[in-house]
Amino acid sequence: MTHTAYVLISCVMGQEHAVLDKIKEIPQIKTALITFGEYDLVAKIQADSSQEMAHIISSQIRQIQKIRSTITLHVV
């Protein structure tokens, strides 16, 4: 079963494109877009397990410099 989540990302002002480029390097990211509003980016992740999902979010996405915060919405 594939696990899907959307991650809402806040970046340092002016760094949205740099963060977007880094996010798109992660193979499990299926879509990543710049948005306007409270969050600067939204990324769709698909992973084979909830453990893989947690690893991608904590060890890859949240480690990208210029990201201030994230909120994960796990699709059920």
Protein backbone atom coordinates (compact mmCIF):
# COMPACT_ATOMS: atom_id res chain seq x y z
CA MET A 1 0.00 0.00 0.00
CA THR A 2 1.33 3.41 -0.92
CA HIS A 3 1.32 6.11 1.75
CA THR A 4 0.66 9.67 0.62
CA ALA A 5 1.16 12.94 2.47
CA TYR A 6 1.20 16.63 1.68
CA VAL A 7 3.84 18.76 3.38
CA LEU A 8 3.23 22.48 3.83
CA ILE A 9 6.55 24.31 3.99
CA SER A 10 7.51 27.77 5.25
CA CYS A 11 10.82 29.11 3.93
CA VAL A 12 13.13 31.99 4.67
CA MET A 13 11.82 34.93 2.63
CA GLY A 14 13.17 34.95 -0.90
CA GLN A 15 14.44 31.35 -0.76
CA GLU A 16 11.37 29.59 -2.17
CA HIS A 17 12.93 28.66 -5.51
CA ALA A 18 16.13 27.34 -3.90
CA VAL A 19 14.11 25.18 -1.50
CA LEU A 20 11.85 24.00 -4.33
CA ASP A 21 14.89 22.87 -6.33
CA LYS A 22 16.17 20.84 -3.34
CA ILE A 23 12.74 19.33 -2.63
CA LYS A 24 12.44 18.16 -6.24
CA GLU A 25 15.69 16.17 -5.86
CA ILE A 26 13.96 13.75 -3.46
CA PRO A 27 12.64 10.80 -5.52
CA GLN A 28 9.53 10.25 -3.38
CA ILE A 29 8.34 13.83 -4.00
CA LYS A 30 5.75 13.51 -6.75
CA THR A 31 4.73 17.17 -6.95
CA ALA A 32 6.14 20.35 -5.41
CA LEU A 33 4.75 23.82 -5.98
CA ILE A 34 5.30 27.37 -4.76
CA THR A 35 2.21 28.84 -3.12
CA PHE A 36 1.10 32.22 -1.78
CA GLY A 37 -0.25 32.60 1.72
CA GLU A 38 0.83 31.27 5.10
CA TYR A 39 2.96 28.53 3.51
CA ASP A 40 5.47 29.00 0.70
CA LEU A 41 5.50 25.50 -0.79
CA VAL A 42 3.39 22.37 -0.86
CA ALA A 43 4.92 18.98 -1.66
CA LYS A 44 3.20 15.65 -2.30
CA ILE A 45 5.09 12.60 -1.03
CA GLN A 46 4.44 8.95 -1.84
CA ALA A 47 6.24 6.27 0.14
CA ASP A 48 5.97 2.51 0.55
CA SER A 49 5.59 2.65 4.35
CA SER A 50 4.89 5.06 7.17
CA GLN A 51 8.48 4.53 8.35
CA GLU A 52 9.82 5.60 4.96
CA MET A 53 7.49 8.61 5.05
CA ALA A 54 8.78 9.64 8.48
CA HIS A 55 12.39 9.25 7.31
CA ILE A 56 11.83 11.41 4.21
CA ILE A 57 10.21 14.16 6.24
CA SER A 58 12.59 14.21 9.21
CA SER A 59 15.90 13.27 7.55
CA GLN A 60 15.54 14.86 4.13
CA ILE A 61 12.92 17.60 3.93
CA ARG A 62 13.43 19.16 7.37
CA GLN A 63 17.20 19.14 6.91
CA ILE A 64 17.08 21.46 3.89
CA GLN A 65 18.57 24.82 4.79
CA LYS A 66 16.25 27.80 4.47
CA ILE A 67 13.18 25.81 5.62
CA ARG A 68 11.69 27.42 8.73
CA SER A 69 8.87 24.97 9.46
CA THR A 70 6.73 22.18 8.02
CA ILE A 71 3.29 20.73 8.60
CA THR A 72 2.54 17.23 7.34
CA LEU A 73 -0.94 16.16 6.26
CA HIS A 74 -1.02 12.35 6.01
CA VAL A 75 -3.73 11.20 3.61
CA VAL A 76 -5.94 8.41 5.02
